[in-house]
Amino acid sequence: MAVTVKAPEVHTPKPSSDGRLSVCTKLCYGIGGIPNQVASSATAFYLQLFLLDVAQIPAAQVSLVLFGGKVSGAAADPVAGFFINRSMRTGSGRLMPWVLGCTPFIALAYFFLWFLPPFTSFRSLWYMTFYCLFQALATFFQVPYTALTMLLTPSPRERDSATAYRMTMEMAGTLMGATVHGLIVSSAHGSHKCEEAPLPGPGGVSPNAMHLYSTAAAVVAVTYPVCISLLRLGVTERPDSSTPASGEGLSFLAGLGLTVRHPPYLKLVVSFLFISAAIQVEQSYLVLFCTHASRLHDHVQRLVLTILVSAVLSTPLWEWILQRFGKKASAFGIFVIVPFAILLAAVPTAPVAYVVAFASGVSIAVSLLLPWSMLPDVVDDFQLQHHHGPGLETIFYSSYVFFTKLSSAGALGISTLSLEFAGYKAGACEQVEEVVVTLKVLIGAVPTCMILIGLCILLVSPTPTVPRQDPSRQLSLRR
């Protein structure tokens, strides 16, 4: 191109025009995030019910399956970061090959996670294997996919726009996952299930239920190759011209030791260990509670849909409240679920259940949004107190995900084990009173206590402050 006379036009418009992403590229990038959210949403609401009532695995073994899967996903986070950061660039880029390579294996792992093997002796081992594979592969898929944002464009504004497209598509995927999966398998858990004569099948399981769950798994698994094909066709990974930052020579373990000793970060992590575990327990046991501890089995699909629609619709409201009233004030929105959860355990009727579902969606939205908006403040506070540069933010984010996954694993494992002690009978049409009481405690008292503990830690902890006397240092760190 010819050199123009006006200097401002050379330096200002050129970078923005080079870094601008088309709507098609942003859409294709966002579509790439749909499969993991579809699969995660379906497993969050229905996997436990499937393992207990369709696969008919004892509750103690189900707790091990859920715990093992979550731990494998947590352990895969630092491992994925270690290997991906050291991978060489190929013709498809440095990150894209990881996404493409994981796609067929994660689709297969997800399908076999919902497949009922013909043997009964080692069925729990089958599901442990494929759930661990699914969680680990999902991590190896998600880490490079989210990091791909940095290699789409050098323009921060366009990166923010691409992230907005991704978040919108992922919310749609979450809604689609629970809805599509639930619609397909709904007849397997209807009120008529126990009135029908038992049909022959492996382990006494209805072939209809087996077929429905396999169909739902196949539908979700197909989203992986379809969406990732669109991602590959519409997105080009730019060469990474920046040198990798690692906290000025700090190893991952050394950086982790520094971050966990930072008081604002430690208190943020501990508070959301309780809050995220409470939300996970509430999500996981809602379907079981409606099926076995109340007469709401015909409302399960609509209740799940109400939760997800409420979460999606309330997210923009919480973003406005965060900016208008501050982050600690917004934390009280998590408390919304507490009185309604107790009310549902005491009065398990349909009107109450729908109100609880709506309130749960509101709380879930703010509990997901709040930590990711508070983490940058904690990182800024840390960087202004230390002299390690801007490279440690990746350790803050990855370790937060690691710890919250571990807390969810522990909460699900222990709570499912409590069903075993209460006398839960896999596949039974009616559970004993002790199981009903346990489910009421798990849906009401347990999330309430964990949310209250988490909020107390969060609200009494000091807000990270950024020193005002050195604005040039703040600006350099933010860059």
Protein backbone atom coordinates (compact mmCIF):
# COMPACT_ATOMS: atom_id res chain seq x y z
CA MET A 1 0.00 0.00 0.00
CA ALA A 2 1.17 3.56 -0.72
CA VAL A 3 2.35 5.63 2.21
CA THR A 4 -0.20 8.29 3.09
CA VAL A 5 0.69 11.87 3.92
CA LYS A 6 -1.37 12.07 7.12
CA ALA A 7 0.53 10.44 9.96
CA PRO A 8 -2.51 9.92 12.24
CA GLU A 9 -4.18 7.73 9.60
CA VAL A 10 -1.13 5.48 9.46
CA HIS A 11 -0.94 4.85 13.20
CA THR A 12 -4.56 4.91 14.34
CA PRO A 13 -6.84 3.26 11.79
CA LYS A 14 -4.36 0.61 10.63
CA PRO A 15 -4.31 -1.56 13.79
CA SER A 16 -8.08 -1.42 14.23
CA SER A 17 -8.70 -2.42 10.63
CA ASP A 18 -6.18 -5.27 10.83
CA GLY A 19 -7.61 -6.51 14.13
CA ARG A 20 -11.30 -6.25 13.32
CA LEU A 21 -13.19 -9.54 13.35
CA SER A 22 -16.16 -10.22 11.13
CA VAL A 23 -19.51 -11.19 12.62
CA CYS A 24 -19.11 -14.59 10.95
CA THR A 25 -15.78 -15.19 12.72
CA LYS A 26 -17.26 -14.22 16.09
CA LEU A 27 -20.28 -16.45 15.52
CA CYS A 28 -18.10 -19.41 14.55
CA TYR A 29 -15.88 -18.83 17.57
CA GLY A 30 -18.91 -18.68 19.86
CA ILE A 31 -20.39 -21.83 18.32
CA GLY A 32 -17.22 -23.69 19.27
CA GLY A 33 -18.12 -23.29 22.95
CA ILE A 34 -21.58 -24.83 22.64
CA PRO A 35 -20.75 -28.60 22.82
CA ASN A 36 -18.99 -28.55 26.20
CA GLN A 37 -21.82 -26.53 27.74
CA VAL A 38 -24.49 -28.79 26.24
CA ALA A 39 -22.74 -31.87 27.64
CA SER A 40 -21.96 -30.29 31.03
CA SER A 41 -25.54 -29.12 31.49
CA ALA A 42 -26.97 -32.56 30.69
CA THR A 43 -24.58 -34.33 33.07
CA ALA A 44 -25.15 -31.80 35.88
CA PHE A 45 -28.90 -32.43 35.96
CA TYR A 46 -29.32 -36.01 34.80
CA LEU A 47 -26.17 -38.12 35.24
CA GLN A 48 -26.78 -38.91 38.90
CA LEU A 49 -30.37 -39.97 38.20
CA PHE A 50 -29.18 -42.12 35.31
CA LEU A 51 -26.51 -43.89 37.36
CA LEU A 52 -28.86 -44.57 40.26
CA ASP A 53 -32.13 -45.47 38.53
CA VAL A 54 -31.19 -46.67 35.03
CA ALA A 55 -27.70 -48.14 35.46
CA GLN A 56 -28.80 -49.18 38.99
CA ILE A 57 -25.41 -48.65 40.57
CA PRO A 58 -25.34 -48.54 44.39
CA ALA A 59 -25.20 -44.99 45.78
CA ALA A 60 -21.78 -45.55 47.37
CA GLN A 61 -20.31 -46.46 44.00
CA VAL A 62 -22.08 -43.53 42.32
CA SER A 63 -20.41 -41.21 44.83
CA LEU A 64 -17.03 -42.62 43.79
CA VAL A 65 -17.86 -42.17 40.09
CA LEU A 66 -18.87 -38.53 40.57
CA PHE A 67 -15.94 -37.78 42.87
CA GLY A 68 -13.41 -39.45 40.58
CA GLY A 69 -14.70 -37.66 37.50
CA LYS A 70 -14.61 -34.23 39.11
CA VAL A 71 -11.13 -34.82 40.52
CA SER A 72 -9.83 -35.91 37.10
CA GLY A 73 -11.23 -32.72 35.59
CA ALA A 74 -9.59 -30.64 38.32
CA ALA A 75 -6.25 -32.40 37.96
CA ALA A 76 -6.34 -31.94 34.18
CA ASP A 77 -6.40 -28.12 34.48
CA PRO A 78 -2.73 -27.56 35.42
CA VAL A 79 -1.64 -30.50 33.26
CA ALA A 80 -3.43 -29.04 30.22
CA GLY A 81 -1.87 -25.65 30.82
CA PHE A 82 1.60 -27.20 31.17
CA PHE A 83 1.46 -29.18 27.90
CA ILE A 84 -0.42 -26.62 25.81
CA ASN A 85 1.96 -23.81 26.74
CA ARG A 86 4.88 -25.95 25.56
CA SER A 87 3.30 -27.18 22.32
CA MET A 88 4.77 -26.17 18.96
CA ARG A 89 2.91 -24.18 16.34
CA THR A 90 1.57 -26.19 13.38
CA GLY A 91 -0.15 -25.26 10.12
CA SER A 92 -3.45 -24.99 12.05
CA GLY A 93 -1.89 -22.94 14.81
CA ARG A 94 -0.76 -23.77 18.33
CA LEU A 95 -4.13 -24.07 20.12
CA MET A 96 -6.48 -25.23 17.36
CA PRO A 97 -4.87 -28.70 17.01
CA TRP A 98 -5.67 -29.41 20.66
CA VAL A 99 -9.34 -28.52 20.12
CA LEU A 100 -9.54 -30.56 16.91
CA GLY A 101 -7.67 -33.50 18.38
CA CYS A 102 -9.86 -33.76 21.48
CA THR A 103 -13.16 -33.53 19.57
CA PRO A 104 -13.65 -37.14 18.38
CA PHE A 105 -12.45 -38.64 21.67
CA ILE A 106 -14.61 -36.44 23.88
CA ALA A 107 -17.67 -37.21 21.72
CA LEU A 108 -17.04 -40.96 22.10
CA ALA A 109 -16.38 -40.67 25.84
CA TYR A 110 -19.64 -38.74 26.30
CA PHE A 111 -21.67 -41.30 24.34
CA PHE A 112 -20.29 -44.29 26.27
CA LEU A 113 -20.88 -42.44 29.53
CA TRP A 114 -24.63 -42.92 28.91
CA PHE A 115 -24.36 -46.40 27.38
CA LEU A 116 -25.53 -49.38 29.43
CA PRO A 117 -23.01 -52.25 29.11
CA PRO A 118 -24.40 -55.80 28.99
CA PHE A 119 -22.49 -56.84 32.14
CA THR A 120 -23.43 -55.86 35.70
CA SER A 121 -20.37 -56.82 37.77
CA PHE A 122 -18.06 -53.97 36.77
CA ARG A 123 -20.62 -51.42 35.66
CA SER A 124 -19.41 -48.78 38.12
CA LEU A 125 -15.87 -49.18 36.77
CA TRP A 126 -17.20 -48.60 33.24
CA TYR A 127 -18.83 -45.31 34.23
CA MET A 128 -15.86 -44.24 36.36
CA THR A 129 -13.56 -44.74 33.37
CA PHE A 130 -15.67 -42.82 30.88
CA TYR A 131 -16.64 -40.03 33.30
CA CYS A 132 -12.96 -39.45 34.16
CA LEU A 133 -12.11 -39.49 30.45
CA PHE A 134 -14.92 -37.08 29.65
CA GLN A 135 -13.95 -34.61 32.40
CA ALA A 136 -10.25 -34.71 31.51
CA LEU A 137 -10.86 -34.38 27.77
CA ALA A 138 -13.37 -31.57 28.37
CA THR A 139 -10.62 -29.69 30.20
CA PHE A 140 -8.07 -30.30 27.43
CA PHE A 141 -10.74 -29.01 25.02
CA GLN A 142 -11.83 -25.96 27.04
CA VAL A 143 -8.40 -24.61 28.02
CA PRO A 144 -7.09 -24.05 24.45
CA TYR A 145 -10.53 -22.98 23.23
CA THR A 146 -10.86 -20.17 25.77
CA ALA A 147 -7.18 -19.20 25.32
CA LEU A 148 -7.83 -18.92 21.59
CA THR A 149 -9.44 -15.53 22.30
CA MET A 150 -5.97 -14.01 22.69
CA LEU A 151 -4.91 -15.26 19.25
CA LEU A 152 -7.95 -14.13 17.30
CA THR A 153 -6.97 -10.48 17.12
CA PRO A 154 -4.57 -8.01 18.76
CA SER A 155 -7.48 -5.61 19.41
CA PRO A 156 -8.72 -5.71 23.05
CA ARG A 157 -12.12 -4.38 21.97
CA GLU A 158 -12.56 -7.14 19.41
CA ARG A 159 -11.45 -9.72 21.96
CA ASP A 160 -14.12 -8.46 24.36
CA SER A 161 -16.67 -8.68 21.57
CA ALA A 162 -15.62 -12.25 20.71
CA THR A 163 -15.85 -13.17 24.39
CA ALA A 164 -19.38 -11.74 24.52
CA TYR A 165 -20.35 -13.91 21.55
CA ARG A 166 -18.79 -16.92 23.29
CA MET A 167 -20.62 -16.30 26.56
CA THR A 168 -23.93 -15.87 24.73
CA MET A 169 -23.46 -19.10 22.79
CA GLU A 170 -22.37 -20.97 25.91
CA MET A 171 -25.49 -19.82 27.76
CA ALA A 172 -27.56 -21.03 24.82
CA GLY A 173 -25.67 -24.33 24.97
CA THR A 174 -26.37 -24.72 28.67
CA LEU A 175 -30.07 -24.13 28.07
CA MET A 176 -30.11 -26.43 25.06
CA GLY A 177 -28.27 -29.27 26.82
CA ALA A 178 -30.66 -29.71 29.73
CA THR A 179 -33.72 -29.05 27.55
CA VAL A 180 -32.92 -31.43 24.68
CA HIS A 181 -31.61 -34.19 26.93
CA GLY A 182 -34.53 -33.80 29.31
CA LEU A 183 -37.15 -33.87 26.56
CA ILE A 184 -35.72 -37.08 25.12
CA VAL A 185 -35.48 -38.98 28.42
CA SER A 186 -38.54 -37.53 30.15
CA SER A 187 -40.75 -40.56 29.43
CA ALA A 188 -38.21 -42.84 31.13
CA HIS A 189 -39.02 -41.26 34.50
CA GLY A 190 -42.72 -40.47 34.14
CA SER A 191 -45.37 -41.23 36.76
CA HIS A 192 -46.48 -44.26 34.78
CA LYS A 193 -43.05 -45.94 35.03
CA CYS A 194 -43.79 -47.90 38.19
CA GLU A 195 -47.28 -48.90 37.12
CA GLU A 196 -46.07 -50.70 34.01
CA ALA A 197 -44.95 -54.30 34.11
CA PRO A 198 -41.18 -54.56 34.28
CA LEU A 199 -39.65 -55.20 30.89
CA PRO A 200 -36.74 -57.54 30.46
CA GLY A 201 -33.36 -55.88 30.06
CA PRO A 202 -29.84 -55.98 31.39
CA GLY A 203 -30.03 -55.84 35.15
CA GLY A 204 -33.81 -55.45 35.09
CA VAL A 205 -33.66 -52.05 33.35
CA SER A 206 -36.36 -51.04 30.89
CA PRO A 207 -35.05 -51.20 27.29
CA ASN A 208 -37.08 -48.05 26.63
CA ALA A 209 -35.01 -46.11 29.19
CA MET A 210 -31.78 -47.52 27.75
CA HIS A 211 -32.80 -46.50 24.24
CA LEU A 212 -33.87 -42.99 25.30
CA TYR A 213 -30.63 -42.25 27.15
CA SER A 214 -28.51 -43.62 24.28
CA THR A 215 -30.44 -41.44 21.83
CA ALA A 216 -29.97 -38.35 24.00
CA ALA A 217 -26.24 -39.11 24.33
CA ALA A 218 -25.87 -39.50 20.56
CA VAL A 219 -27.65 -36.19 19.92
CA VAL A 220 -25.35 -34.33 22.32
CA ALA A 221 -22.21 -36.13 21.07
CA VAL A 222 -22.97 -35.06 17.48
CA THR A 223 -22.77 -31.40 18.51
CA TYR A 224 -19.00 -31.77 18.99
CA PRO A 225 -17.98 -32.53 15.37
CA VAL A 226 -20.65 -30.23 13.93
CA CYS A 227 -19.78 -27.18 16.04
CA ILE A 228 -16.01 -27.70 15.90
CA SER A 229 -16.17 -28.01 12.10
CA LEU A 230 -17.80 -24.57 12.02
CA LEU A 231 -15.15 -23.27 14.43
CA ARG A 232 -12.37 -24.54 12.18
CA LEU A 233 -13.94 -23.16 9.00
CA GLY A 234 -14.72 -19.71 10.41
CA VAL A 235 -11.78 -19.00 12.75
CA THR A 236 -8.13 -18.47 11.91
CA GLU A 237 -5.57 -18.55 14.69
CA ARG A 238 -3.07 -15.73 14.40
CA PRO A 239 0.62 -16.30 15.19
CA ASP A 240 1.43 -15.46 18.80
CA SER A 241 4.01 -12.71 18.60
CA SER A 242 4.22 -12.17 22.35
CA THR A 243 6.66 -14.01 24.52
CA PRO A 244 5.01 -16.33 27.02
CA ALA A 245 4.77 -14.84 30.45
CA SER A 246 5.37 -17.01 33.45
CA GLY A 247 5.66 -14.56 36.25
CA GLU A 248 9.25 -13.54 35.38
CA GLY A 249 10.76 -17.00 35.52
CA LEU A 250 8.60 -18.35 38.33
CA SER A 251 7.53 -21.97 38.03
CA PHE A 252 3.88 -22.89 38.33
CA LEU A 253 4.31 -24.25 41.87
CA ALA A 254 6.28 -21.21 43.02
CA GLY A 255 3.65 -18.88 41.55
CA LEU A 256 0.87 -20.94 43.13
CA GLY A 257 2.57 -20.64 46.51
CA LEU A 258 2.59 -16.86 46.16
CA THR A 259 -1.03 -16.60 45.07
CA VAL A 260 -2.52 -18.79 47.79
CA ARG A 261 -0.73 -16.71 50.43
CA HIS A 262 -2.40 -13.53 49.14
CA PRO A 263 -5.20 -12.89 51.72
CA PRO A 264 -7.86 -11.39 49.37
CA TYR A 265 -7.43 -14.29 46.93
CA LEU A 266 -7.46 -16.90 49.68
CA LYS A 267 -10.69 -15.53 51.15
CA LEU A 268 -12.32 -15.28 47.71
CA VAL A 269 -11.44 -18.89 46.90
CA VAL A 270 -12.56 -20.26 50.27
CA SER A 271 -15.87 -18.40 50.14
CA PHE A 272 -16.70 -19.67 46.66
CA LEU A 273 -15.60 -23.20 47.56
CA PHE A 274 -18.68 -23.28 49.79
CA ILE A 275 -20.95 -21.31 47.44
CA SER A 276 -20.12 -23.24 44.26
CA ALA A 277 -20.43 -26.57 46.10
CA ALA A 278 -23.85 -25.50 47.42
CA ILE A 279 -25.07 -24.59 43.93
CA GLN A 280 -23.73 -27.89 42.57
CA VAL A 281 -25.56 -29.90 45.26
CA GLU A 282 -28.79 -27.97 44.65
CA GLN A 283 -28.55 -28.61 40.90
CA SER A 284 -27.67 -32.27 41.19
CA TYR A 285 -30.35 -33.26 43.71
CA LEU A 286 -33.29 -31.29 42.34
CA VAL A 287 -34.18 -34.02 39.83
CA LEU A 288 -33.76 -36.80 42.42
CA PHE A 289 -35.82 -34.85 44.95
CA CYS A 290 -38.66 -34.30 42.49
CA THR A 291 -38.57 -37.98 41.48
CA HIS A 292 -38.37 -39.68 44.89
CA ALA A 293 -39.17 -37.18 47.67
CA SER A 294 -42.20 -35.43 46.17
CA ARG A 295 -44.88 -35.90 43.57
CA LEU A 296 -43.21 -33.56 41.11
CA HIS A 297 -41.76 -36.11 38.67
CA ASP A 298 -44.02 -34.82 35.88
CA HIS A 299 -42.61 -31.30 36.38
CA VAL A 300 -38.89 -32.15 36.28
CA GLN A 301 -38.25 -31.00 32.72
CA ARG A 302 -40.16 -27.73 33.14
CA LEU A 303 -38.42 -27.01 36.46
CA VAL A 304 -34.97 -27.48 34.92
CA LEU A 305 -35.97 -25.24 32.02
CA THR A 306 -37.22 -22.59 34.47
CA ILE A 307 -33.88 -22.59 36.31
CA LEU A 308 -31.86 -22.15 33.13
CA VAL A 309 -34.12 -19.51 31.55
CA SER A 310 -34.10 -17.57 34.83
CA ALA A 311 -30.29 -17.72 34.97
CA VAL A 312 -29.90 -16.55 31.37
CA LEU A 313 -32.41 -13.70 31.69
CA SER A 314 -31.10 -12.45 35.05
CA THR A 315 -27.43 -12.31 33.98
CA PRO A 316 -27.68 -8.84 32.31
CA LEU A 317 -29.50 -7.55 35.41
CA TRP A 318 -26.72 -8.77 37.68
CA GLU A 319 -24.10 -7.20 35.40
CA TRP A 320 -25.88 -3.86 35.83
CA ILE A 321 -26.17 -4.32 39.61
CA LEU A 322 -22.46 -5.16 39.83
CA GLN A 323 -21.53 -1.91 38.11
CA ARG A 324 -24.15 0.21 39.89
CA PHE A 325 -24.00 -1.03 43.50
CA GLY A 326 -20.71 -2.89 43.75
CA LYS A 327 -19.68 -6.50 43.99
CA LYS A 328 -20.20 -7.13 47.68
CA ALA A 329 -23.73 -5.77 47.48
CA SER A 330 -24.40 -8.12 44.58
CA ALA A 331 -23.28 -11.07 46.70
CA PHE A 332 -26.57 -10.86 48.60
CA GLY A 333 -28.24 -12.10 45.42
CA ILE A 334 -26.80 -15.55 46.15
CA PHE A 335 -28.85 -15.57 49.36
CA VAL A 336 -32.08 -15.43 47.35
CA ILE A 337 -32.10 -19.22 47.00
CA VAL A 338 -31.89 -19.92 50.76
CA PRO A 339 -35.46 -19.27 52.01
CA PHE A 340 -37.01 -20.82 48.91
CA ALA A 341 -34.90 -23.99 49.15
CA ILE A 342 -36.02 -24.48 52.76
CA LEU A 343 -39.62 -23.81 51.70
CA LEU A 344 -39.43 -26.45 48.96
CA ALA A 345 -38.10 -29.06 51.40
CA ALA A 346 -40.97 -28.26 53.80
CA VAL A 347 -43.76 -27.79 51.24
CA PRO A 348 -42.91 -29.79 48.07
CA THR A 349 -45.78 -28.59 45.87
CA ALA A 350 -45.70 -27.58 42.22
CA PRO A 351 -46.27 -23.79 42.73
CA VAL A 352 -43.53 -23.65 45.36
CA ALA A 353 -41.20 -25.70 43.15
CA TYR A 354 -41.51 -23.26 40.24
CA VAL A 355 -40.81 -20.29 42.51
CA VAL A 356 -37.78 -22.10 43.88
CA ALA A 357 -36.62 -22.92 40.35
CA PHE A 358 -36.84 -19.26 39.35
CA ALA A 359 -34.98 -18.12 42.49
CA SER A 360 -32.36 -20.81 41.94
CA GLY A 361 -31.69 -19.49 38.43
CA VAL A 362 -31.24 -15.97 39.81
CA SER A 363 -28.77 -17.20 42.43
CA ILE A 364 -26.90 -19.40 39.97
CA ALA A 365 -26.45 -16.42 37.62
CA VAL A 366 -24.85 -14.18 40.25
CA SER A 367 -22.79 -17.04 41.74
CA LEU A 368 -21.26 -17.68 38.31
CA LEU A 369 -20.77 -14.02 37.43
CA LEU A 370 -19.43 -12.67 40.72
CA PRO A 371 -16.14 -14.60 41.15
CA TRP A 372 -15.01 -13.87 37.59
CA SER A 373 -15.65 -10.16 38.14
CA MET A 374 -13.84 -10.14 41.51
CA LEU A 375 -10.77 -12.07 40.37
CA PRO A 376 -9.34 -9.20 38.23
CA ASP A 377 -9.48 -6.91 41.30
CA VAL A 378 -7.60 -9.49 43.35
CA VAL A 379 -5.01 -9.91 40.58
CA ASP A 380 -4.51 -6.11 40.35
CA ASP A 381 -4.14 -5.91 44.13
CA PHE A 382 -1.53 -8.68 44.07
CA GLN A 383 0.45 -7.18 41.21
CA LEU A 384 0.60 -3.78 42.89
CA GLN A 385 1.95 -5.33 46.09
CA HIS A 386 4.51 -7.59 44.40
CA HIS A 387 7.01 -7.20 41.59
CA HIS A 388 6.36 -10.24 39.42
CA GLY A 389 4.71 -8.47 36.50
CA PRO A 390 1.45 -9.44 34.78
CA GLY A 391 2.28 -13.09 34.07
CA LEU A 392 0.78 -14.63 37.22
CA GLU A 393 -2.86 -13.95 36.34
CA THR A 394 -3.11 -17.32 34.59
CA ILE A 395 -2.18 -19.05 37.85
CA PHE A 396 -4.90 -17.14 39.70
CA TYR A 397 -7.54 -18.27 37.21
CA SER A 398 -6.42 -21.86 36.77
CA SER A 399 -5.98 -22.46 40.51
CA TYR A 400 -9.43 -20.99 41.19
CA VAL A 401 -10.98 -23.45 38.73
CA PHE A 402 -8.92 -26.27 40.24
CA PHE A 403 -10.07 -25.59 43.81
CA THR A 404 -13.74 -25.10 42.92
CA LYS A 405 -13.77 -28.36 40.96
CA LEU A 406 -12.29 -30.15 43.96
CA SER A 407 -14.93 -28.69 46.27
CA SER A 408 -17.72 -29.80 43.92
CA ALA A 409 -16.18 -33.28 43.80
CA GLY A 410 -16.12 -33.53 47.57
CA ALA A 411 -19.64 -32.19 48.00
CA LEU A 412 -21.16 -34.53 45.42
CA GLY A 413 -19.20 -37.55 46.65
CA ILE A 414 -20.12 -37.11 50.31
CA SER A 415 -23.76 -36.22 49.64
CA THR A 416 -24.27 -39.22 47.34
CA LEU A 417 -22.66 -41.45 49.95
CA SER A 418 -25.24 -40.20 52.46
CA LEU A 419 -27.97 -41.71 50.24
CA GLU A 420 -26.27 -45.10 50.58
CA PHE A 421 -26.31 -44.82 54.37
CA ALA A 422 -29.98 -43.78 54.26
CA GLY A 423 -30.86 -47.00 52.38
CA TYR A 424 -31.35 -45.79 48.81
CA LYS A 425 -32.50 -48.65 46.56
CA ALA A 426 -31.41 -48.27 42.93
CA GLY A 427 -34.32 -48.53 40.51
CA ALA A 428 -36.96 -48.74 43.26
CA CYS A 429 -40.31 -47.08 42.59
CA GLU A 430 -40.62 -45.97 46.20
CA GLN A 431 -37.83 -45.10 48.59
CA VAL A 432 -37.89 -45.51 52.37
CA GLU A 433 -38.65 -42.54 54.58
CA GLU A 434 -35.00 -42.12 55.56
CA VAL A 435 -34.08 -41.50 51.90
CA VAL A 436 -36.87 -38.94 51.54
CA VAL A 437 -35.64 -37.08 54.63
CA THR A 438 -32.04 -37.22 53.35
CA LEU A 439 -33.08 -35.73 50.00
CA LYS A 440 -34.95 -32.94 51.81
CA VAL A 441 -31.84 -32.17 53.83
CA LEU A 442 -29.67 -32.20 50.70
CA ILE A 443 -32.02 -29.86 48.83
CA GLY A 444 -32.62 -27.49 51.78
CA ALA A 445 -30.36 -27.53 54.81
CA VAL A 446 -27.04 -28.45 53.15
CA PRO A 447 -27.01 -25.70 50.47
CA THR A 448 -28.32 -23.19 53.01
CA CYS A 449 -25.48 -23.83 55.47
CA MET A 450 -22.79 -23.77 52.78
CA ILE A 451 -24.11 -20.55 51.21
CA LEU A 452 -24.29 -18.81 54.60
CA ILE A 453 -20.72 -19.85 55.46
CA GLY A 454 -19.45 -18.74 52.06
CA LEU A 455 -21.23 -15.37 52.22
CA CYS A 456 -19.93 -14.70 55.74
CA ILE A 457 -16.34 -15.29 54.59
CA LEU A 458 -16.85 -13.19 51.47
CA LEU A 459 -18.55 -10.23 53.16
CA VAL A 460 -16.22 -9.91 56.15
CA SER A 461 -13.09 -10.07 54.00
CA PRO A 462 -11.54 -6.69 53.08
CA THR A 463 -12.08 -5.39 49.57
CA PRO A 464 -8.84 -5.37 47.54
CA THR A 465 -7.66 -1.79 47.20
CA VAL A 466 -5.53 -0.42 44.39
CA PRO A 467 -3.09 2.31 45.50
CA ARG A 468 -3.79 5.64 43.84
CA GLN A 469 -0.41 7.25 44.35
CA ASP A 470 1.23 5.45 41.42
CA PRO A 471 -1.12 5.55 38.45
CA SER A 472 1.68 4.89 35.95
CA ARG A 473 2.35 1.52 37.62
CA GLN A 474 -1.36 0.65 37.47
CA LEU A 475 -1.43 1.47 33.78
CA SER A 476 1.64 -0.63 32.99
CA LEU A 477 0.24 -3.61 34.84
CA ARG A 478 -3.10 -3.42 33.10
CA ARG A 479 -1.30 -3.43 29.75
